[in-house]
Each structure stands twice: as structure tokens, then as C-alpha cells.
Amino acid sequence: MATARPGGSLTELARLGFTDLEGTIPKLDQLVKAAGDGGRIALSSLSRAGNPDQALNALLWIAETDRNRLKQLLKKNDS
């Protein structure tokens, strides 16, 4: 069974509401690469989104356009 860094197993990702399980793992890795520890912390926030897959894609889009803005966004608990 594949495991995700930082989310644990595919089962854990499914429990958190992700549906694109195989695609989520490399995307989470990209987020951590772009945002450092903030990317790891973002997983719990992503799970509270109506669509965690779309929320993750949005964060990756922000990372591509403005990495500093992504880091600032992830520092805010209410984001």
C-alpha cells in the first residue's frame, strides 16, 4: 500500500475527504516542497474544505503564481 507524506495512508486521505487518492500524494509532496512545514500543516485545513481535492489544486496554483503569498496564507489559522 502506498503511503502519503504528510497524510499517512491512502485510507487516511480518503477519510479526510480526498477522492483522487493516487493524485493527491504527489500533489501533497509538491505543496510541502513549495511551502515547507506549512504544507504539512495544511492537510487538516484541506480536509475541512467542501472539496479537499479542489482546495489542494487551488493551493498549488497559488504556489505556482506566488510562493510567498502561499506561505503567508498557510501561516493564518483562519485561511
PDB file of N, CA and C in Angstrom:
ATOM      1  N   MET A   1       0.841  -1.181   0.000  1.00  0.00           N
ATOM      2  CA  MET A   1       0.000   0.000   0.000  1.00  0.00           C
ATOM      3  C   MET A   1       0.883   1.240   0.000  1.00  0.00           C
ATOM      4  N   ALA A   2       0.573   2.159  -0.858  1.00  0.00           N
ATOM      5  CA  ALA A   2       1.323   3.411  -0.925  1.00  0.00           C
ATOM      6  C   ALA A   2       0.994   4.268   0.283  1.00  0.00           C
ATOM      7  N   THR A   3       1.954   5.051   0.706  1.00  0.00           N
ATOM      8  CA  THR A   3       1.706   5.980   1.801  1.00  0.00           C
ATOM      9  C   THR A   3       1.969   7.379   1.331  1.00  0.00           C
ATOM     10  N   ALA A   4       1.262   8.286   1.906  1.00  0.00           N
ATOM     11  CA  ALA A   4       1.413   9.690   1.550  1.00  0.00           C
ATOM     12  C   ALA A   4       2.214  10.396   2.613  1.00  0.00           C
ATOM     13  N   ARG A   5       3.061  11.269   2.206  1.00  0.00           N
ATOM     14  CA  ARG A   5       3.742  12.146   3.118  1.00  0.00           C
ATOM     15  C   ARG A   5       3.119  13.508   2.896  1.00  0.00           C
ATOM     16  N   PRO A   6       2.483  14.144   3.749  1.00  0.00           N
ATOM     17  CA  PRO A   6       2.365  14.005   5.172  1.00  0.00           C
ATOM     18  C   PRO A   6       1.103  13.319   5.648  1.00  0.00           C
ATOM     19  N   GLY A   7       0.259  12.803   4.785  1.00  0.00           N
ATOM     20  CA  GLY A   7      -1.068  12.388   5.203  1.00  0.00           C
ATOM     21  C   GLY A   7      -1.224  10.976   5.696  1.00  0.00           C
ATOM     22  N   GLY A   8      -0.197  10.145   5.613  1.00  0.00           N
ATOM     23  CA  GLY A   8      -0.353   8.769   6.025  1.00  0.00           C
ATOM     24  C   GLY A   8      -0.760   7.911   4.847  1.00  0.00           C
ATOM     25  N   SER A   9      -1.686   7.008   5.076  1.00  0.00           N
ATOM     26  CA  SER A   9      -2.078   6.054   4.050  1.00  0.00           C
ATOM     27  C   SER A   9      -3.145   6.618   3.126  1.00  0.00           C
ATOM     28  N   LEU A  10      -3.382   5.893   2.048  1.00  0.00           N
ATOM     29  CA  LEU A  10      -4.467   6.271   1.140  1.00  0.00           C
ATOM     30  C   LEU A  10      -5.799   6.230   1.875  1.00  0.00           C
ATOM     31  N   THR A  11      -5.940   5.300   2.796  1.00  0.00           N
ATOM     32  CA  THR A  11      -7.163   5.222   3.595  1.00  0.00           C
ATOM     33  C   THR A  11      -7.354   6.492   4.404  1.00  0.00           C
ATOM     34  N   GLU A  12      -6.285   6.990   4.971  1.00  0.00           N
ATOM     35  CA  GLU A  12      -6.349   8.235   5.739  1.00  0.00           C
ATOM     36  C   GLU A  12      -6.765   9.398   4.843  1.00  0.00           C
ATOM     37  N   LEU A  13      -6.203   9.461   3.650  1.00  0.00           N
ATOM     38  CA  LEU A  13      -6.582  10.528   2.721  1.00  0.00           C
ATOM     39  C   LEU A  13      -8.059  10.432   2.357  1.00  0.00           C
ATOM     40  N   ALA A  14      -8.561   9.229   2.146  1.00  0.00           N
ATOM     41  CA  ALA A  14      -9.982   9.047   1.841  1.00  0.00           C
ATOM     42  C   ALA A  14     -10.833   9.496   3.025  1.00  0.00           C
ATOM     43  N   ARG A  15     -10.404   9.161   4.220  1.00  0.00           N
ATOM     44  CA  ARG A  15     -11.130   9.574   5.421  1.00  0.00           C
ATOM     45  C   ARG A  15     -11.182  11.100   5.534  1.00  0.00           C
ATOM     46  N   LEU A  16     -10.147  11.759   5.063  1.00  0.00           N
ATOM     47  CA  LEU A  16     -10.085  13.221   5.100  1.00  0.00           C
ATOM     48  C   LEU A  16     -10.897  13.871   3.978  1.00  0.00           C
ATOM     49  N   GLY A  17     -11.455  13.055   3.075  1.00  0.00           N
ATOM     50  CA  GLY A  17     -12.335  13.591   2.049  1.00  0.00           C
ATOM     51  C   GLY A  17     -11.749  13.691   0.656  1.00  0.00           C
ATOM     52  N   PHE A  18     -10.506  13.274   0.478  1.00  0.00           N
ATOM     53  CA  PHE A  18      -9.901  13.300  -0.850  1.00  0.00           C
ATOM     54  C   PHE A  18     -10.477  12.160  -1.684  1.00  0.00           C
ATOM     55  N   THR A  19     -10.687  12.412  -2.971  1.00  0.00           N
ATOM     56  CA  THR A  19     -11.198  11.360  -3.852  1.00  0.00           C
ATOM     57  C   THR A  19     -10.155  10.923  -4.868  1.00  0.00           C
ATOM     58  N   ASP A  20      -9.268  11.821  -5.273  1.00  0.00           N
ATOM     59  CA  ASP A  20      -8.191  11.483  -6.215  1.00  0.00           C
ATOM     60  C   ASP A  20      -6.990  11.014  -5.403  1.00  0.00           C
ATOM     61  N   LEU A  21      -7.114   9.823  -4.835  1.00  0.00           N
ATOM     62  CA  LEU A  21      -6.125   9.365  -3.862  1.00  0.00           C
ATOM     63  C   LEU A  21      -4.728   9.238  -4.448  1.00  0.00           C
ATOM     64  N   GLU A  22      -4.588   8.588  -5.578  1.00  0.00           N
ATOM     65  CA  GLU A  22      -3.263   8.432  -6.189  1.00  0.00           C
ATOM     66  C   GLU A  22      -2.682   9.781  -6.614  1.00  0.00           C
ATOM     67  N   GLY A  23      -3.519  10.694  -7.068  1.00  0.00           N
ATOM     68  CA  GLY A  23      -3.044  12.013  -7.478  1.00  0.00           C
ATOM     69  C   GLY A  23      -2.728  12.921  -6.311  1.00  0.00           C
ATOM     70  N   THR A  24      -3.362  12.664  -5.178  1.00  0.00           N
ATOM     71  CA  THR A  24      -3.169  13.521  -4.009  1.00  0.00           C
ATOM     72  C   THR A  24      -1.762  13.409  -3.444  1.00  0.00           C
ATOM     73  N   ILE A  25      -1.206  12.227  -3.455  1.00  0.00           N
ATOM     74  CA  ILE A  25       0.123  12.020  -2.866  1.00  0.00           C
ATOM     75  C   ILE A  25       1.177  12.912  -3.515  1.00  0.00           C
ATOM     76  N   PRO A  26       1.335  12.895  -4.838  1.00  0.00           N
ATOM     77  CA  PRO A  26       2.347  13.782  -5.423  1.00  0.00           C
ATOM     78  C   PRO A  26       2.000  15.263  -5.266  1.00  0.00           C
ATOM     79  N   LYS A  27       0.706  15.576  -5.231  1.00  0.00           N
ATOM     80  CA  LYS A  27       0.320  16.977  -5.036  1.00  0.00           C
ATOM     81  C   LYS A  27       0.678  17.454  -3.635  1.00  0.00           C
ATOM     82  N   LEU A  28       0.482  16.607  -2.640  1.00  0.00           N
ATOM     83  CA  LEU A  28       0.885  16.978  -1.286  1.00  0.00           C
ATOM     84  C   LEU A  28       2.392  17.157  -1.200  1.00  0.00           C
ATOM     85  N   ASP A  29       3.123  16.304  -1.892  1.00  0.00           N
ATOM     86  CA  ASP A  29       4.579  16.455  -1.934  1.00  0.00           C
ATOM     87  C   ASP A  29       4.964  17.800  -2.568  1.00  0.00           C
ATOM     88  N   GLN A  30       4.251  18.182  -3.633  1.00  0.00           N
ATOM     89  CA  GLN A  30       4.516  19.480  -4.278  1.00  0.00           C
ATOM     90  C   GLN A  30       4.233  20.620  -3.312  1.00  0.00           C
ATOM     91  N   LEU A  31       3.139  20.514  -2.568  1.00  0.00           N
ATOM     92  CA  LEU A  31       2.773  21.563  -1.621  1.00  0.00           C
ATOM     93  C   LEU A  31       3.836  21.704  -0.539  1.00  0.00           C
ATOM     94  N   VAL A  32       4.314  20.597  -0.021  1.00  0.00           N
ATOM     95  CA  VAL A  32       5.363  20.639   1.006  1.00  0.00           C
ATOM     96  C   VAL A  32       6.644  21.226   0.426  1.00  0.00           C
ATOM     97  N   LYS A  33       6.955  20.872  -0.811  1.00  0.00           N
ATOM     98  CA  LYS A  33       8.147  21.433  -1.455  1.00  0.00           C
ATOM     99  C   LYS A  33       8.021  22.943  -1.606  1.00  0.00           C
ATOM    100  N   ALA A  34       6.817  23.412  -1.944  1.00  0.00           N
ATOM    101  CA  ALA A  34       6.601  24.843  -2.155  1.00  0.00           C
ATOM    102  C   ALA A  34       6.492  25.613  -0.846  1.00  0.00           C
ATOM    103  N   ALA A  35       5.893  24.992   0.178  1.00  0.00           N
ATOM    104  CA  ALA A  35       5.587  25.737   1.394  1.00  0.00           C
ATOM    105  C   ALA A  35       6.306  25.253   2.636  1.00  0.00           C
ATOM    106  N   GLY A  36       7.076  24.202   2.527  1.00  0.00           N
ATOM    107  CA  GLY A  36       7.762  23.681   3.704  1.00  0.00           C
ATOM    108  C   GLY A  36       6.780  23.090   4.700  1.00  0.00           C
ATOM    109  N   ASP A  37       7.034  23.301   5.978  1.00  0.00           N
ATOM    110  CA  ASP A  37       6.190  22.722   7.017  1.00  0.00           C
ATOM    111  C   ASP A  37       4.749  23.207   6.926  1.00  0.00           C
ATOM    112  N   GLY A  38       4.527  24.388   6.396  1.00  0.00           N
ATOM    113  CA  GLY A  38       3.168  24.889   6.216  1.00  0.00           C
ATOM    114  C   GLY A  38       2.337  23.965   5.348  1.00  0.00           C
ATOM    115  N   GLY A  39       2.974  23.308   4.399  1.00  0.00           N
ATOM    116  CA  GLY A  39       2.276  22.350   3.552  1.00  0.00           C
ATOM    117  C   GLY A  39       1.826  21.131   4.320  1.00  0.00           C
ATOM    118  N   ARG A  40       2.617  20.713   5.288  1.00  0.00           N
ATOM    119  CA  ARG A  40       2.232  19.573   6.129  1.00  0.00           C
ATOM    120  C   ARG A  40       1.046  19.949   7.018  1.00  0.00           C
ATOM    121  N   ILE A  41       1.116  21.121   7.560  1.00  0.00           N
ATOM    122  CA  ILE A  41       0.070  21.591   8.464  1.00  0.00           C
ATOM    123  C   ILE A  41      -1.241  21.815   7.712  1.00  0.00           C
ATOM    124  N   ALA A  42      -1.169  22.150   6.441  1.00  0.00           N
ATOM    125  CA  ALA A  42      -2.357  22.458   5.648  1.00  0.00           C
ATOM    126  C   ALA A  42      -3.278  21.267   5.459  1.00  0.00           C
ATOM    127  N   LEU A  43      -2.805  20.072   5.657  1.00  0.00           N
ATOM    128  CA  LEU A  43      -3.620  18.885   5.413  1.00  0.00           C
ATOM    129  C   LEU A  43      -4.903  18.891   6.232  1.00  0.00           C
ATOM    130  N   SER A  44      -4.833  19.248   7.497  1.00  0.00           N
ATOM    131  CA  SER A  44      -6.051  19.262   8.313  1.00  0.00           C
ATOM    132  C   SER A  44      -7.016  20.342   7.837  1.00  0.00           C
ATOM    133  N   SER A  45      -6.497  21.476   7.402  1.00  0.00           N
ATOM    134  CA  SER A  45      -7.363  22.528   6.863  1.00  0.00           C
ATOM    135  C   SER A  45      -8.004  22.091   5.552  1.00  0.00           C
ATOM    136  N   LEU A  46      -7.233  21.431   4.712  1.00  0.00           N
ATOM    137  CA  LEU A  46      -7.778  20.946   3.447  1.00  0.00           C
ATOM    138  C   LEU A  46      -8.925  19.974   3.683  1.00  0.00           C
ATOM    139  N   SER A  47      -8.820  19.169   4.719  1.00  0.00           N
ATOM    140  CA  SER A  47      -9.857  18.178   4.995  1.00  0.00           C
ATOM    141  C   SER A  47     -11.173  18.835   5.410  1.00  0.00           C
ATOM    142  N   ARG A  48     -11.137  20.077   5.857  1.00  0.00           N
ATOM    143  CA  ARG A  48     -12.357  20.790   6.240  1.00  0.00           C
ATOM    144  C   ARG A  48     -13.009  21.495   5.060  1.00  0.00           C
ATOM    145  N   ALA A  49     -12.337  21.512   3.925  1.00  0.00           N
ATOM    146  CA  ALA A  49     -12.893  22.159   2.730  1.00  0.00           C
ATOM    147  C   ALA A  49     -14.031  21.306   2.172  1.00  0.00           C
ATOM    148  N   GLY A  50     -14.957  21.943   1.476  1.00  0.00           N
ATOM    149  CA  GLY A  50     -16.044  21.211   0.848  1.00  0.00           C
ATOM    150  C   GLY A  50     -15.538  20.180  -0.144  1.00  0.00           C
ATOM    151  N   ASN A  51     -14.445  20.503  -0.820  1.00  0.00           N
ATOM    152  CA  ASN A  51     -13.827  19.596  -1.782  1.00  0.00           C
ATOM    153  C   ASN A  51     -12.311  19.685  -1.587  1.00  0.00           C
ATOM    154  N   PRO A  52     -11.744  18.803  -0.767  1.00  0.00           N
ATOM    155  CA  PRO A  52     -10.312  18.873  -0.480  1.00  0.00           C
ATOM    156  C   PRO A  52      -9.426  18.796  -1.723  1.00  0.00           C
ATOM    157  N   ASP A  53      -9.853  18.024  -2.732  1.00  0.00           N
ATOM    158  CA  ASP A  53      -9.055  17.926  -3.962  1.00  0.00           C
ATOM    159  C   ASP A  53      -8.960  19.282  -4.656  1.00  0.00           C
ATOM    160  N   GLN A  54     -10.086  19.985  -4.758  1.00  0.00           N
ATOM    161  CA  GLN A  54     -10.079  21.305  -5.384  1.00  0.00           C
ATOM    162  C   GLN A  54      -9.296  22.312  -4.554  1.00  0.00           C
ATOM    163  N   ALA A  55      -9.419  22.219  -3.236  1.00  0.00           N
ATOM    164  CA  ALA A  55      -8.679  23.125  -2.365  1.00  0.00           C
ATOM    165  C   ALA A  55      -7.175  22.915  -2.515  1.00  0.00           C
ATOM    166  N   LEU A  56      -6.756  21.673  -2.607  1.00  0.00           N
ATOM    167  CA  LEU A  56      -5.337  21.371  -2.819  1.00  0.00           C
ATOM    168  C   LEU A  56      -4.868  21.909  -4.166  1.00  0.00           C
ATOM    169  N   ASN A  57      -5.673  21.718  -5.195  1.00  0.00           N
ATOM    170  CA  ASN A  57      -5.321  22.254  -6.517  1.00  0.00           C
ATOM    171  C   ASN A  57      -5.197  23.777  -6.476  1.00  0.00           C
ATOM    172  N   ALA A  58      -6.087  24.428  -5.728  1.00  0.00           N
ATOM    173  CA  ALA A  58      -6.020  25.893  -5.615  1.00  0.00           C
ATOM    174  C   ALA A  58      -4.731  26.328  -4.920  1.00  0.00           C
ATOM    175  N   LEU A  59      -4.340  25.624  -3.858  1.00  0.00           N
ATOM    176  CA  LEU A  59      -3.092  25.967  -3.182  1.00  0.00           C
ATOM    177  C   LEU A  59      -1.887  25.769  -4.095  1.00  0.00           C
ATOM    178  N   LEU A  60      -1.928  24.731  -4.908  1.00  0.00           N
ATOM    179  CA  LEU A  60      -0.819  24.508  -5.843  1.00  0.00           C
ATOM    180  C   LEU A  60      -0.778  25.598  -6.906  1.00  0.00           C
ATOM    181  N   TRP A  61      -1.943  26.067  -7.335  1.00  0.00           N
ATOM    182  CA  TRP A  61      -1.993  27.164  -8.304  1.00  0.00           C
ATOM    183  C   TRP A  61      -1.392  28.423  -7.679  1.00  0.00           C
ATOM    184  N   ILE A  62      -1.748  28.688  -6.430  1.00  0.00           N
ATOM    185  CA  ILE A  62      -1.170  29.847  -5.728  1.00  0.00           C
ATOM    186  C   ILE A  62       0.340  29.680  -5.622  1.00  0.00           C
ATOM    187  N   ALA A  63       0.800  28.484  -5.337  1.00  0.00           N
ATOM    188  CA  ALA A  63       2.240  28.222  -5.229  1.00  0.00           C
ATOM    189  C   ALA A  63       2.955  28.517  -6.537  1.00  0.00           C
ATOM    190  N   GLU A  64       2.316  28.184  -7.656  1.00  0.00           N
ATOM    191  CA  GLU A  64       2.930  28.445  -8.962  1.00  0.00           C
ATOM    192  C   GLU A  64       2.987  29.927  -9.278  1.00  0.00           C
ATOM    193  N   THR A  65       1.992  30.673  -8.834  1.00  0.00           N
ATOM    194  CA  THR A  65       1.942  32.088  -9.174  1.00  0.00           C
ATOM    195  C   THR A  65       2.678  32.976  -8.176  1.00  0.00           C
ATOM    196  N   ASP A  66       2.644  32.606  -6.887  1.00  0.00           N
ATOM    197  CA  ASP A  66       3.282  33.447  -5.874  1.00  0.00           C
ATOM    198  C   ASP A  66       3.551  32.626  -4.614  1.00  0.00           C
ATOM    199  N   ARG A  67       4.727  32.044  -4.549  1.00  0.00           N
ATOM    200  CA  ARG A  67       5.095  31.168  -3.427  1.00  0.00           C
ATOM    201  C   ARG A  67       5.064  31.895  -2.087  1.00  0.00           C
ATOM    202  N   ASN A  68       5.465  33.152  -2.075  1.00  0.00           N
ATOM    203  CA  ASN A  68       5.439  33.911  -0.819  1.00  0.00           C
ATOM    204  C   ASN A  68       4.021  34.098  -0.320  1.00  0.00           C
ATOM    205  N   ARG A  69       3.093  34.354  -1.229  1.00  0.00           N
ATOM    206  CA  ARG A  69       1.688  34.506  -0.836  1.00  0.00           C
ATOM    207  C   ARG A  69       1.160  33.197  -0.249  1.00  0.00           C
ATOM    208  N   LEU A  70       1.548  32.082  -0.852  1.00  0.00           N
ATOM    209  CA  LEU A  70       1.134  30.778  -0.328  1.00  0.00           C
ATOM    210  C   LEU A  70       1.619  30.610   1.101  1.00  0.00           C
ATOM    211  N   LYS A  71       2.868  30.911   1.339  1.00  0.00           N
ATOM    212  CA  LYS A  71       3.414  30.762   2.695  1.00  0.00           C
ATOM    213  C   LYS A  71       2.695  31.661   3.691  1.00  0.00           C
ATOM    214  N   GLN A  72       2.369  32.880   3.283  1.00  0.00           N
ATOM    215  CA  GLN A  72       1.639  33.799   4.153  1.00  0.00           C
ATOM    216  C   GLN A  72       0.238  33.250   4.434  1.00  0.00           C
ATOM    217  N   LEU A  73      -0.409  32.738   3.408  1.00  0.00           N
ATOM    218  CA  LEU A  73      -1.743  32.184   3.554  1.00  0.00           C
ATOM    219  C   LEU A  73      -1.753  31.007   4.522  1.00  0.00           C
ATOM    220  N   LEU A  74      -0.782  30.143   4.418  1.00  0.00           N
ATOM    221  CA  LEU A  74      -0.729  28.953   5.255  1.00  0.00           C
ATOM    222  C   LEU A  74      -0.378  29.278   6.719  1.00  0.00           C
ATOM    223  N   LYS A  75       0.176  30.449   6.956  1.00  0.00           N
ATOM    224  CA  LYS A  75       0.502  30.851   8.328  1.00  0.00           C
ATOM    225  C   LYS A  75      -0.750  31.266   9.106  1.00  0.00           C
ATOM    226  N   LYS A  76      -1.814  31.626   8.381  1.00  0.00           N
ATOM    227  CA  LYS A  76      -3.040  32.116   9.025  1.00  0.00           C
ATOM    228  C   LYS A  76      -3.935  30.939   9.370  1.00  0.00           C
ATOM    229  N   ASN A  77      -4.308  30.839  10.622  1.00  0.00           N
ATOM    230  CA  ASN A  77      -5.151  29.731  11.060  1.00  0.00           C
ATOM    231  C   ASN A  77      -6.548  29.776  10.458  1.00  0.00           C
ATOM    232  N   ASP A  78      -7.048  30.951  10.160  1.00  0.00           N
ATOM    233  CA  ASP A  78      -8.416  31.069   9.647  1.00  0.00           C
ATOM    234  C   ASP A  78      -8.507  31.025   8.132  1.00  0.00           C
ATOM    235  N   SER A  79      -7.405  30.749   7.454  1.00  0.00           N
ATOM    236  CA  SER A  79      -7.419  30.767   5.987  1.00  0.00           C
ATOM    237  C   SER A  79      -8.102  29.558   5.441  1.00  0.00           C
TER     238      SER A  79
END
